Amino acid sequence: MSYAADTLYTPENLPSKLVFVRHAQTYANVNRVWHGHTDTELTDTGHLQASQLGQNFHHYMQPDVIIASPLLRTRLTAQAIADAHQLPVSLDPRLMEFHLGDWENTSFDDLQGKMAVAARLRDEPDFTPPNGESQNMVRQRMVEAVEEIIQEHAGAKVAIVSHGVAIAVTLAHYLANDTTQWLNYNMSNTGIAELCLATRSLPSFNITSHLLETEAK
């Protein structure tokens, strides 16, 4: 199933608020290696970030629904929000990070220096690493998940906890109809972005004011 980027949305058939949250800091973030579907633990800083996100999320949103990628880093981040609001977390594997297949756990420096891989990952929507995914494959599953979520939760306040590139590809789809623009939508760890589908806009982007004592990296 595919969704056209020019789909018309009306406020009455949309969530009253739809936000994306990037997971807290991981060891892969610190070490600058690509972990897409690779499961990775939060750092001590990441656990603190998740705690601060949960404790302060009510200043930004009182969620009715929390949906997350099933990877550990997103589950822990989502659970911090859920615990503060006494809500369950629903898991959806379509919200997982961009999977690089055989190139998982490769450093960013190596990706930039090897066969212009970084440029191809950025600029070619159908470029697929060995046993991995393309931008278009990530867009397909992410947008499919988002469309189902908005149809099932009209009028609700929905928080989607996912991953940096997966969120960026999704925002580039809805806002620019061009996934190669994903670098324009990079978010910090535990960054919050609100997407308004009725106006195709970002009322807020990469909000990290909840991080009181630690930097989002």
N, C-alpha and C. Protein backbone atom coordinates (compact mmCIF):
# COMPACT_ATOMS: atom_id res chain seq x y z
N MET A 1 0.85 -1.19 0.00
CA MET A 1 0.00 0.00 0.00
C MET A 1 0.88 1.24 0.00
N SER A 2 0.52 2.22 -0.83
CA SER A 2 1.29 3.46 -0.87
C SER A 2 0.36 4.63 -0.60
N TYR A 3 0.96 5.73 -0.15
CA TYR A 3 0.19 6.92 0.18
C TYR A 3 0.78 8.11 -0.54
N ALA A 4 -0.06 8.83 -1.25
CA ALA A 4 0.40 10.01 -1.98
C ALA A 4 0.68 11.13 -1.00
N ALA A 5 1.74 11.86 -1.27
CA ALA A 5 2.11 12.96 -0.38
C ALA A 5 1.13 14.12 -0.47
N ASP A 6 0.27 14.13 -1.51
CA ASP A 6 -0.71 15.21 -1.64
C ASP A 6 -2.08 14.81 -1.10
N THR A 7 -2.14 13.74 -0.30
CA THR A 7 -3.39 13.34 0.35
C THR A 7 -3.95 14.52 1.14
N LEU A 8 -5.25 14.73 1.05
CA LEU A 8 -5.89 15.81 1.78
C LEU A 8 -6.36 15.31 3.14
N TYR A 9 -6.06 16.06 4.18
CA TYR A 9 -6.46 15.71 5.53
C TYR A 9 -7.33 16.84 6.09
N THR A 10 -8.30 16.49 6.88
CA THR A 10 -9.13 17.50 7.55
C THR A 10 -9.01 17.30 9.05
N PRO A 11 -9.12 18.38 9.82
CA PRO A 11 -8.90 18.27 11.27
C PRO A 11 -9.78 17.23 11.95
N GLU A 12 -11.00 17.04 11.48
CA GLU A 12 -11.91 16.12 12.17
C GLU A 12 -11.52 14.65 12.02
N ASN A 13 -10.68 14.30 11.04
CA ASN A 13 -10.28 12.90 10.91
C ASN A 13 -8.81 12.68 11.26
N LEU A 14 -8.25 13.62 12.03
CA LEU A 14 -6.85 13.53 12.44
C LEU A 14 -6.75 13.49 13.96
N PRO A 15 -5.63 12.99 14.49
CA PRO A 15 -5.38 13.18 15.92
C PRO A 15 -5.39 14.67 16.25
N SER A 16 -5.78 15.01 17.47
CA SER A 16 -5.77 16.42 17.84
C SER A 16 -4.33 16.94 17.96
N LYS A 17 -3.40 16.03 18.21
CA LYS A 17 -1.99 16.39 18.23
C LYS A 17 -1.19 15.13 17.92
N LEU A 18 -0.23 15.25 17.01
CA LEU A 18 0.60 14.12 16.60
C LEU A 18 2.05 14.54 16.74
N VAL A 19 2.79 13.88 17.63
CA VAL A 19 4.19 14.24 17.83
C VAL A 19 5.08 13.01 17.62
N PHE A 20 6.27 13.27 17.13
CA PHE A 20 7.31 12.27 17.01
C PHE A 20 8.38 12.57 18.06
N VAL A 21 8.87 11.52 18.70
CA VAL A 21 9.93 11.65 19.71
C VAL A 21 11.07 10.72 19.32
N ARG A 22 12.27 11.26 19.26
CA ARG A 22 13.44 10.41 19.02
C ARG A 22 13.90 9.82 20.35
N HIS A 23 14.42 8.60 20.30
CA HIS A 23 14.89 7.91 21.50
C HIS A 23 16.04 8.65 22.17
N ALA A 24 16.31 8.27 23.41
CA ALA A 24 17.40 8.85 24.19
C ALA A 24 18.76 8.33 23.70
N GLN A 25 19.82 8.91 24.23
CA GLN A 25 21.17 8.62 23.76
C GLN A 25 21.56 7.16 23.98
N THR A 26 22.22 6.58 22.97
CA THR A 26 22.73 5.22 23.02
C THR A 26 24.25 5.21 22.87
N TYR A 27 24.84 4.04 23.11
CA TYR A 27 26.28 3.90 22.91
C TYR A 27 26.63 4.06 21.44
N ALA A 28 25.75 3.66 20.54
CA ALA A 28 26.00 3.84 19.11
C ALA A 28 26.06 5.33 18.76
N ASN A 29 25.21 6.15 19.39
CA ASN A 29 25.26 7.59 19.16
C ASN A 29 26.61 8.16 19.60
N VAL A 30 27.07 7.73 20.77
CA VAL A 30 28.34 8.23 21.31
C VAL A 30 29.51 7.79 20.43
N ASN A 31 29.47 6.53 20.00
CA ASN A 31 30.58 5.97 19.22
C ASN A 31 30.47 6.27 17.73
N ARG A 32 29.39 6.91 17.33
CA ARG A 32 29.16 7.30 15.94
C ARG A 32 29.22 6.11 14.99
N VAL A 33 28.42 5.11 15.34
CA VAL A 33 28.24 3.96 14.46
C VAL A 33 26.76 3.83 14.12
N TRP A 34 26.48 3.22 12.98
CA TRP A 34 25.10 3.10 12.52
C TRP A 34 24.47 1.85 13.12
N HIS A 35 23.50 2.05 13.98
CA HIS A 35 22.65 0.98 14.47
C HIS A 35 21.24 1.24 13.98
N GLY A 36 20.83 0.48 12.95
CA GLY A 36 19.48 0.59 12.44
C GLY A 36 18.59 -0.38 13.20
N HIS A 37 18.53 -1.63 12.73
CA HIS A 37 17.78 -2.66 13.45
C HIS A 37 18.61 -3.30 14.55
N THR A 38 19.89 -2.95 14.65
CA THR A 38 20.71 -3.45 15.74
C THR A 38 20.20 -2.90 17.06
N ASP A 39 19.95 -3.80 18.02
CA ASP A 39 19.46 -3.35 19.32
C ASP A 39 20.64 -2.84 20.14
N THR A 40 20.44 -1.74 20.82
CA THR A 40 21.54 -1.12 21.56
C THR A 40 21.00 -0.48 22.82
N GLU A 41 21.80 -0.48 23.85
CA GLU A 41 21.39 0.01 25.17
C GLU A 41 21.57 1.52 25.26
N LEU A 42 20.78 2.13 26.13
CA LEU A 42 20.97 3.54 26.45
C LEU A 42 22.21 3.71 27.32
N THR A 43 22.89 4.83 27.14
CA THR A 43 23.97 5.21 28.04
C THR A 43 23.38 5.71 29.37
N ASP A 44 24.23 5.95 30.35
CA ASP A 44 23.75 6.56 31.59
C ASP A 44 23.10 7.92 31.29
N THR A 45 23.72 8.67 30.39
CA THR A 45 23.13 9.94 29.98
C THR A 45 21.78 9.71 29.33
N GLY A 46 21.68 8.66 28.50
CA GLY A 46 20.42 8.35 27.84
C GLY A 46 19.31 8.02 28.84
N HIS A 47 19.64 7.26 29.88
CA HIS A 47 18.64 6.96 30.90
C HIS A 47 18.18 8.24 31.59
N LEU A 48 19.12 9.15 31.85
CA LEU A 48 18.75 10.43 32.46
C LEU A 48 17.88 11.24 31.52
N GLN A 49 18.24 11.26 30.23
CA GLN A 49 17.42 11.98 29.25
C GLN A 49 16.00 11.43 29.20
N ALA A 50 15.87 10.10 29.19
CA ALA A 50 14.54 9.49 29.13
C ALA A 50 13.73 9.85 30.37
N SER A 51 14.39 9.83 31.53
CA SER A 51 13.70 10.19 32.77
C SER A 51 13.22 11.64 32.73
N GLN A 52 14.07 12.55 32.27
CA GLN A 52 13.69 13.95 32.20
C GLN A 52 12.58 14.17 31.17
N LEU A 53 12.65 13.44 30.07
CA LEU A 53 11.57 13.50 29.08
C LEU A 53 10.24 13.10 29.70
N GLY A 54 10.23 11.97 30.40
CA GLY A 54 8.99 11.51 31.01
C GLY A 54 8.46 12.47 32.06
N GLN A 55 9.34 12.97 32.90
CA GLN A 55 8.93 13.87 33.98
C GLN A 55 8.37 15.19 33.47
N ASN A 56 8.83 15.63 32.31
CA ASN A 56 8.45 16.95 31.81
C ASN A 56 7.55 16.93 30.58
N PHE A 57 7.19 15.73 30.11
CA PHE A 57 6.42 15.64 28.87
C PHE A 57 5.06 16.31 28.99
N HIS A 58 4.50 16.34 30.20
CA HIS A 58 3.17 16.94 30.38
C HIS A 58 3.17 18.43 30.09
N HIS A 59 4.35 19.08 30.17
CA HIS A 59 4.41 20.50 29.82
C HIS A 59 4.16 20.72 28.33
N TYR A 60 4.44 19.69 27.56
CA TYR A 60 4.26 19.80 26.12
C TYR A 60 3.00 19.11 25.63
N MET A 61 2.66 17.99 26.25
CA MET A 61 1.55 17.18 25.75
C MET A 61 1.06 16.24 26.85
N GLN A 62 -0.24 16.06 26.93
CA GLN A 62 -0.85 15.05 27.77
C GLN A 62 -1.32 13.94 26.83
N PRO A 63 -0.49 12.94 26.58
CA PRO A 63 -0.83 11.97 25.54
C PRO A 63 -1.98 11.06 25.92
N ASP A 64 -2.72 10.64 24.91
CA ASP A 64 -3.73 9.61 25.07
C ASP A 64 -3.21 8.26 24.59
N VAL A 65 -2.28 8.30 23.66
CA VAL A 65 -1.77 7.10 23.01
C VAL A 65 -0.26 7.24 22.85
N ILE A 66 0.48 6.16 23.16
CA ILE A 66 1.93 6.13 22.96
C ILE A 66 2.26 4.88 22.14
N ILE A 67 2.92 5.08 21.02
CA ILE A 67 3.26 3.98 20.13
C ILE A 67 4.76 4.08 19.83
N ALA A 68 5.45 2.95 19.88
CA ALA A 68 6.91 2.99 19.75
C ALA A 68 7.43 1.85 18.89
N SER A 69 8.60 2.07 18.35
CA SER A 69 9.39 0.99 17.77
C SER A 69 9.72 -0.02 18.87
N PRO A 70 9.81 -1.30 18.53
CA PRO A 70 10.07 -2.32 19.56
C PRO A 70 11.53 -2.43 19.99
N LEU A 71 12.44 -1.66 19.38
CA LEU A 71 13.84 -1.75 19.79
C LEU A 71 14.03 -1.18 21.19
N LEU A 72 15.03 -1.68 21.90
CA LEU A 72 15.20 -1.35 23.32
C LEU A 72 15.27 0.14 23.56
N ARG A 73 16.02 0.86 22.74
CA ARG A 73 16.22 2.30 22.98
C ARG A 73 14.93 3.09 22.88
N THR A 74 14.03 2.67 21.98
CA THR A 74 12.75 3.36 21.87
C THR A 74 11.77 2.89 22.93
N ARG A 75 11.82 1.61 23.26
CA ARG A 75 10.92 1.10 24.31
C ARG A 75 11.19 1.78 25.65
N LEU A 76 12.47 1.91 25.99
CA LEU A 76 12.81 2.55 27.26
C LEU A 76 12.41 4.02 27.26
N THR A 77 12.62 4.69 26.16
CA THR A 77 12.24 6.10 26.06
C THR A 77 10.73 6.27 26.15
N ALA A 78 10.00 5.44 25.42
CA ALA A 78 8.54 5.50 25.45
C ALA A 78 8.00 5.16 26.83
N GLN A 79 8.64 4.18 27.49
CA GLN A 79 8.15 3.76 28.81
C GLN A 79 8.27 4.88 29.83
N ALA A 80 9.29 5.71 29.70
CA ALA A 80 9.44 6.84 30.62
C ALA A 80 8.26 7.80 30.49
N ILE A 81 7.80 8.03 29.27
CA ILE A 81 6.61 8.87 29.05
C ILE A 81 5.38 8.15 29.59
N ALA A 82 5.27 6.87 29.28
CA ALA A 82 4.10 6.10 29.69
C ALA A 82 3.95 6.03 31.21
N ASP A 83 5.06 5.82 31.90
CA ASP A 83 5.01 5.72 33.37
C ASP A 83 4.50 7.02 33.98
N ALA A 84 4.90 8.13 33.40
CA ALA A 84 4.48 9.43 33.94
C ALA A 84 3.01 9.70 33.71
N HIS A 85 2.42 9.02 32.74
CA HIS A 85 1.02 9.27 32.38
C HIS A 85 0.12 8.05 32.60
N GLN A 86 0.69 7.01 33.20
CA GLN A 86 -0.05 5.79 33.50
C GLN A 86 -0.76 5.25 32.25
N LEU A 87 0.02 5.11 31.20
CA LEU A 87 -0.48 4.62 29.92
C LEU A 87 0.34 3.41 29.48
N PRO A 88 -0.25 2.54 28.66
CA PRO A 88 0.53 1.45 28.06
C PRO A 88 1.29 1.96 26.85
N VAL A 89 2.29 1.20 26.43
CA VAL A 89 3.02 1.48 25.19
C VAL A 89 2.67 0.40 24.18
N SER A 90 2.18 0.81 23.02
CA SER A 90 1.96 -0.12 21.92
C SER A 90 3.21 -0.14 21.05
N LEU A 91 3.59 -1.31 20.57
CA LEU A 91 4.79 -1.47 19.76
C LEU A 91 4.44 -1.77 18.32
N ASP A 92 5.16 -1.14 17.41
CA ASP A 92 4.93 -1.35 15.98
C ASP A 92 6.29 -1.46 15.29
N PRO A 93 6.64 -2.64 14.75
CA PRO A 93 7.96 -2.81 14.13
C PRO A 93 8.18 -1.95 12.90
N ARG A 94 7.11 -1.41 12.33
CA ARG A 94 7.26 -0.53 11.17
C ARG A 94 7.91 0.79 11.53
N LEU A 95 8.00 1.09 12.83
CA LEU A 95 8.59 2.34 13.31
C LEU A 95 10.08 2.20 13.61
N MET A 96 10.68 1.07 13.24
CA MET A 96 12.10 0.85 13.50
C MET A 96 12.98 1.72 12.61
N GLU A 97 14.26 1.77 12.95
CA GLU A 97 15.22 2.63 12.25
C GLU A 97 15.57 2.06 10.88
N PHE A 98 16.13 2.91 10.03
CA PHE A 98 16.65 2.57 8.71
C PHE A 98 17.68 1.45 8.87
N HIS A 99 17.43 0.31 8.23
CA HIS A 99 18.27 -0.87 8.39
C HIS A 99 19.31 -0.94 7.28
N LEU A 100 20.59 -0.99 7.66
CA LEU A 100 21.66 -1.04 6.67
C LEU A 100 22.17 -2.45 6.39
N GLY A 101 21.48 -3.45 6.89
CA GLY A 101 21.84 -4.82 6.55
C GLY A 101 23.27 -5.16 6.94
N ASP A 102 24.07 -5.58 5.96
CA ASP A 102 25.46 -5.98 6.22
C ASP A 102 26.32 -4.82 6.69
N TRP A 103 25.85 -3.60 6.53
CA TRP A 103 26.63 -2.43 6.94
C TRP A 103 26.23 -1.91 8.32
N GLU A 104 25.40 -2.64 9.03
CA GLU A 104 25.09 -2.26 10.41
C GLU A 104 26.38 -2.24 11.23
N ASN A 105 26.44 -1.38 12.22
CA ASN A 105 27.59 -1.24 13.12
C ASN A 105 28.82 -0.68 12.43
N THR A 106 28.61 -0.03 11.28
CA THR A 106 29.69 0.65 10.57
C THR A 106 29.79 2.09 11.07
N SER A 107 31.00 2.58 11.25
CA SER A 107 31.15 3.95 11.73
C SER A 107 30.71 4.94 10.65
N PHE A 108 30.27 6.10 11.09
CA PHE A 108 29.89 7.15 10.14
C PHE A 108 31.07 7.54 9.26
N ASP A 109 32.27 7.57 9.84
CA ASP A 109 33.45 7.92 9.06
C ASP A 109 33.69 6.92 7.95
N ASP A 110 33.52 5.63 8.25
CA ASP A 110 33.71 4.61 7.22
C ASP A 110 32.65 4.72 6.13
N LEU A 111 31.41 5.01 6.52
CA LEU A 111 30.35 5.17 5.52
C LEU A 111 30.65 6.34 4.60
N GLN A 112 31.20 7.40 5.14
CA GLN A 112 31.51 8.57 4.33
C GLN A 112 32.70 8.33 3.42
N GLY A 113 33.60 7.45 3.82
CA GLY A 113 34.81 7.27 3.05
C GLY A 113 34.80 6.10 2.08
N LYS A 114 33.79 5.25 2.17
CA LYS A 114 33.77 4.02 1.39
C LYS A 114 32.75 4.11 0.26
N MET A 115 33.22 4.16 -0.99
CA MET A 115 32.34 4.08 -2.16
C MET A 115 31.27 5.18 -2.17
N ALA A 116 31.58 6.31 -1.56
CA ALA A 116 30.60 7.41 -1.48
C ALA A 116 29.26 6.92 -0.93
N VAL A 117 29.35 5.99 0.00
CA VAL A 117 28.14 5.38 0.54
C VAL A 117 27.22 6.41 1.18
N ALA A 118 27.80 7.33 1.95
CA ALA A 118 26.97 8.31 2.64
C ALA A 118 26.15 9.13 1.65
N ALA A 119 26.77 9.53 0.54
CA ALA A 119 26.05 10.32 -0.46
C ALA A 119 24.93 9.51 -1.09
N ARG A 120 25.18 8.24 -1.33
CA ARG A 120 24.15 7.40 -1.95
C ARG A 120 22.99 7.17 -0.99
N LEU A 121 23.31 6.97 0.30
CA LEU A 121 22.24 6.82 1.28
C LEU A 121 21.40 8.08 1.37
N ARG A 122 22.04 9.22 1.18
CA ARG A 122 21.34 10.50 1.27
C ARG A 122 20.57 10.83 0.01
N ASP A 123 21.15 10.58 -1.15
CA ASP A 123 20.63 11.15 -2.40
C ASP A 123 19.86 10.18 -3.29
N GLU A 124 19.94 8.90 -3.04
CA GLU A 124 19.31 7.92 -3.93
C GLU A 124 18.22 7.15 -3.18
N PRO A 125 16.96 7.48 -3.41
CA PRO A 125 15.87 6.87 -2.64
C PRO A 125 15.78 5.36 -2.77
N ASP A 126 16.29 4.79 -3.87
CA ASP A 126 16.20 3.35 -4.07
C ASP A 126 17.51 2.63 -3.81
N PHE A 127 18.54 3.36 -3.38
CA PHE A 127 19.82 2.71 -3.07
C PHE A 127 19.65 1.81 -1.85
N THR A 128 20.02 0.54 -1.99
CA THR A 128 19.80 -0.45 -0.94
C THR A 128 21.11 -1.14 -0.58
N PRO A 129 21.61 -0.97 0.64
CA PRO A 129 22.80 -1.70 1.07
C PRO A 129 22.53 -3.20 1.06
N PRO A 130 23.57 -4.02 1.01
CA PRO A 130 23.36 -5.47 1.01
C PRO A 130 22.53 -5.93 2.21
N ASN A 131 21.42 -6.60 1.91
CA ASN A 131 20.52 -7.13 2.94
C ASN A 131 19.90 -6.04 3.81
N GLY A 132 19.88 -4.80 3.29
CA GLY A 132 19.31 -3.70 4.04
C GLY A 132 18.09 -3.10 3.36
N GLU A 133 17.86 -1.82 3.64
CA GLU A 133 16.69 -1.11 3.13
C GLU A 133 17.10 0.13 2.34
N SER A 134 16.21 0.59 1.52
CA SER A 134 16.35 1.88 0.84
C SER A 134 15.51 2.92 1.57
N GLN A 135 15.74 4.19 1.23
CA GLN A 135 14.87 5.26 1.75
C GLN A 135 13.41 4.96 1.45
N ASN A 136 13.13 4.53 0.24
CA ASN A 136 11.74 4.29 -0.14
C ASN A 136 11.11 3.15 0.65
N MET A 137 11.91 2.15 1.01
CA MET A 137 11.39 1.07 1.83
C MET A 137 11.06 1.57 3.24
N VAL A 138 11.93 2.43 3.77
CA VAL A 138 11.66 3.02 5.08
C VAL A 138 10.42 3.91 5.01
N ARG A 139 10.34 4.73 3.97
CA ARG A 139 9.17 5.59 3.80
C ARG A 139 7.90 4.74 3.74
N GLN A 140 7.91 3.67 2.97
CA GLN A 140 6.72 2.84 2.79
C GLN A 140 6.18 2.35 4.12
N ARG A 141 7.05 1.77 4.93
CA ARG A 141 6.56 1.19 6.18
C ARG A 141 6.22 2.25 7.22
N MET A 142 7.03 3.32 7.28
CA MET A 142 6.75 4.38 8.25
C MET A 142 5.44 5.08 7.94
N VAL A 143 5.23 5.45 6.68
CA VAL A 143 4.01 6.16 6.31
C VAL A 143 2.79 5.25 6.46
N GLU A 144 2.94 3.99 6.13
CA GLU A 144 1.84 3.05 6.33
C GLU A 144 1.44 3.00 7.81
N ALA A 145 2.44 2.95 8.69
CA ALA A 145 2.16 2.94 10.12
C ALA A 145 1.49 4.24 10.57
N VAL A 146 2.03 5.37 10.13
CA VAL A 146 1.47 6.67 10.54
C VAL A 146 0.03 6.82 10.06
N GLU A 147 -0.23 6.42 8.82
CA GLU A 147 -1.59 6.54 8.29
C GLU A 147 -2.57 5.68 9.08
N GLU A 148 -2.17 4.49 9.46
CA GLU A 148 -3.04 3.65 10.28
C GLU A 148 -3.26 4.27 11.65
N ILE A 149 -2.20 4.82 12.22
CA ILE A 149 -2.31 5.43 13.54
C ILE A 149 -3.28 6.61 13.52
N ILE A 150 -3.18 7.47 12.51
CA ILE A 150 -4.06 8.64 12.50
C ILE A 150 -5.51 8.24 12.22
N GLN A 151 -5.72 7.16 11.46
CA GLN A 151 -7.08 6.71 11.22
C GLN A 151 -7.70 6.09 12.47
N GLU A 152 -6.89 5.40 13.26
CA GLU A 152 -7.40 4.72 14.45
C GLU A 152 -7.56 5.64 15.65
N HIS A 153 -6.89 6.81 15.62
CA HIS A 153 -6.86 7.66 16.82
C HIS A 153 -7.28 9.09 16.51
N ALA A 154 -8.31 9.25 15.69
CA ALA A 154 -8.83 10.59 15.39
C ALA A 154 -9.25 11.28 16.69
N GLY A 155 -8.83 12.54 16.83
CA GLY A 155 -9.19 13.32 18.01
C GLY A 155 -8.31 13.10 19.22
N ALA A 156 -7.41 12.13 19.17
CA ALA A 156 -6.54 11.82 20.30
C ALA A 156 -5.21 12.56 20.20
N LYS A 157 -4.52 12.63 21.32
CA LYS A 157 -3.15 13.15 21.35
C LYS A 157 -2.21 11.94 21.29
N VAL A 158 -1.41 11.87 20.23
CA VAL A 158 -0.62 10.67 19.94
C VAL A 158 0.86 11.00 19.95
N ALA A 159 1.63 10.20 20.69
CA ALA A 159 3.08 10.30 20.68
C ALA A 159 3.66 9.06 20.02
N ILE A 160 4.49 9.27 18.99
CA ILE A 160 5.17 8.18 18.28
C ILE A 160 6.65 8.27 18.63
N VAL A 161 7.18 7.23 19.26
CA VAL A 161 8.59 7.21 19.67
C VAL A 161 9.35 6.33 18.69
N SER A 162 10.26 6.95 17.95
CA SER A 162 10.94 6.24 16.88
C SER A 162 12.41 6.66 16.85
N HIS A 163 13.00 6.68 15.67
CA HIS A 163 14.44 6.83 15.49
C HIS A 163 14.75 8.02 14.58
N GLY A 164 15.98 8.51 14.69
CA GLY A 164 16.35 9.74 14.01
C GLY A 164 16.13 9.74 12.51
N VAL A 165 16.69 8.75 11.80
CA VAL A 165 16.56 8.75 10.35
C VAL A 165 15.16 8.37 9.93
N ALA A 166 14.55 7.40 10.60
CA ALA A 166 13.19 7.00 10.26
C ALA A 166 12.21 8.16 10.40
N ILE A 167 12.34 8.94 11.47
CA ILE A 167 11.49 10.12 11.65
C ILE A 167 11.79 11.14 10.57
N ALA A 168 13.08 11.38 10.30
CA ALA A 168 13.46 12.38 9.30
C ALA A 168 12.93 12.03 7.92
N VAL A 169 13.01 10.77 7.54
CA VAL A 169 12.47 10.34 6.25
C VAL A 169 10.96 10.57 6.20
N THR A 170 10.29 10.28 7.30
CA THR A 170 8.83 10.47 7.36
C THR A 170 8.46 11.94 7.23
N LEU A 171 9.15 12.80 7.95
CA LEU A 171 8.87 14.23 7.86
C LEU A 171 9.18 14.76 6.46
N ALA A 172 10.26 14.28 5.86
CA ALA A 172 10.60 14.71 4.50
C ALA A 172 9.52 14.29 3.51
N HIS A 173 8.92 13.12 3.74
CA HIS A 173 7.82 12.68 2.88
C HIS A 173 6.63 13.63 3.00
N TYR A 174 6.19 13.89 4.22
CA TYR A 174 4.98 14.68 4.41
C TYR A 174 5.17 16.16 4.11
N LEU A 175 6.34 16.68 4.38
CA LEU A 175 6.56 18.12 4.26
C LEU A 175 7.18 18.53 2.93
N ALA A 176 7.95 17.64 2.32
CA ALA A 176 8.66 17.99 1.09
C ALA A 176 8.36 17.04 -0.07
N ASN A 177 7.67 15.94 0.22
CA ASN A 177 7.44 14.90 -0.79
C ASN A 177 8.75 14.47 -1.43
N ASP A 178 9.80 14.42 -0.62
CA ASP A 178 11.13 14.10 -1.14
C ASP A 178 11.97 13.56 0.01
N THR A 179 12.12 12.25 0.07
CA THR A 179 12.85 11.66 1.20
C THR A 179 14.33 12.03 1.20
N THR A 180 14.87 12.47 0.06
CA THR A 180 16.28 12.85 0.03
C THR A 180 16.53 14.13 0.84
N GLN A 181 15.45 14.79 1.28
CA GLN A 181 15.57 15.98 2.12
C GLN A 181 15.64 15.64 3.61
N TRP A 182 15.84 14.37 3.94
CA TRP A 182 15.74 13.94 5.33
C TRP A 182 16.76 14.62 6.24
N LEU A 183 17.90 15.02 5.69
CA LEU A 183 18.89 15.68 6.54
C LEU A 183 18.40 17.01 7.09
N ASN A 184 17.35 17.57 6.48
CA ASN A 184 16.77 18.82 6.99
C ASN A 184 15.94 18.60 8.24
N TYR A 185 15.71 17.35 8.60
CA TYR A 185 14.81 17.04 9.71
C TYR A 185 15.48 16.18 10.78
N ASN A 186 16.78 16.35 10.94
CA ASN A 186 17.50 15.64 12.00
C ASN A 186 17.10 16.15 13.37
N MET A 187 16.89 15.25 14.30
CA MET A 187 16.53 15.65 15.66
C MET A 187 17.54 15.12 16.67
N SER A 188 17.66 15.83 17.79
CA SER A 188 18.51 15.41 18.89
C SER A 188 17.86 14.26 19.64
N ASN A 189 18.65 13.58 20.46
CA ASN A 189 18.08 12.53 21.30
C ASN A 189 17.00 13.10 22.21
N THR A 190 15.88 12.45 22.25
CA THR A 190 14.63 12.85 22.94
C THR A 190 14.02 14.13 22.39
N GLY A 191 14.47 14.56 21.21
CA GLY A 191 13.82 15.70 20.57
C GLY A 191 12.38 15.40 20.23
N ILE A 192 11.54 16.42 20.31
CA ILE A 192 10.10 16.30 20.06
C ILE A 192 9.73 17.18 18.87
N ALA A 193 8.96 16.62 17.94
CA ALA A 193 8.48 17.38 16.78
C ALA A 193 6.99 17.14 16.61
N GLU A 194 6.24 18.21 16.44
CA GLU A 194 4.81 18.08 16.16
C GLU A 194 4.57 18.22 14.66
N LEU A 195 3.86 17.27 14.09
CA LEU A 195 3.50 17.31 12.68
C LEU A 195 2.02 17.61 12.55
N CYS A 196 1.68 18.68 11.83
CA CYS A 196 0.29 19.01 11.54
C CYS A 196 0.01 18.60 10.10
N LEU A 197 -0.74 17.54 9.91
CA LEU A 197 -1.01 17.05 8.57
C LEU A 197 -2.03 17.91 7.83
N ALA A 198 -2.92 18.55 8.57
CA ALA A 198 -3.94 19.38 7.92
C ALA A 198 -3.31 20.55 7.17
N THR A 199 -2.20 21.08 7.70
CA THR A 199 -1.52 22.22 7.07
C THR A 199 -0.16 21.86 6.50
N ARG A 200 0.23 20.58 6.61
CA ARG A 200 1.55 20.14 6.16
C ARG A 200 2.64 21.04 6.73
N SER A 201 2.68 21.12 8.07
CA SER A 201 3.63 22.01 8.72
C SER A 201 4.16 21.38 10.00
N LEU A 202 5.23 21.99 10.53
CA LEU A 202 5.81 21.60 11.80
C LEU A 202 5.60 22.73 12.80
N PRO A 203 4.54 22.69 13.58
CA PRO A 203 4.35 23.73 14.59
C PRO A 203 5.50 23.83 15.58
N SER A 204 6.17 22.71 15.82
CA SER A 204 7.37 22.73 16.65
C SER A 204 8.29 21.63 16.17
N PHE A 205 9.59 21.82 16.40
CA PHE A 205 10.57 20.86 15.89
C PHE A 205 11.78 20.79 16.81
N ASN A 206 12.17 19.58 17.14
CA ASN A 206 13.37 19.30 17.92
C ASN A 206 13.37 20.01 19.27
N ILE A 207 12.24 19.94 19.96
CA ILE A 207 12.13 20.53 21.29
C ILE A 207 12.89 19.65 22.29
N THR A 208 13.82 20.24 23.02
CA THR A 208 14.60 19.51 24.02
C THR A 208 14.68 20.27 25.34
N SER A 209 13.74 21.15 25.60
CA SER A 209 13.77 21.96 26.82
C SER A 209 13.61 21.12 28.08
N HIS A 210 13.17 19.88 27.94
CA HIS A 210 13.03 18.97 29.08
C HIS A 210 14.39 18.49 29.60
N LEU A 211 15.43 18.64 28.80
CA LEU A 211 16.76 18.18 29.20
C LEU A 211 17.40 19.22 30.08
N LEU A 212 17.32 19.00 31.39
CA LEU A 212 17.72 20.03 32.34
C LEU A 212 19.20 20.03 32.64
N GLU A 213 19.81 18.84 32.63
CA GLU A 213 21.20 18.76 33.07
C GLU A 213 22.09 18.03 32.09
N THR A 214 21.59 17.71 30.93
CA THR A 214 22.39 16.96 29.99
C THR A 214 22.11 17.44 28.59
N GLU A 215 23.08 17.39 27.72
CA GLU A 215 22.90 17.78 26.33
C GLU A 215 22.39 16.61 25.53
N ALA A 216 21.50 16.88 24.57
CA ALA A 216 21.06 15.84 23.64
C ALA A 216 22.09 15.75 22.53
N LYS A 217 22.65 14.56 22.36
CA LYS A 217 23.72 14.38 21.38
C LYS A 217 23.27 13.43 20.28
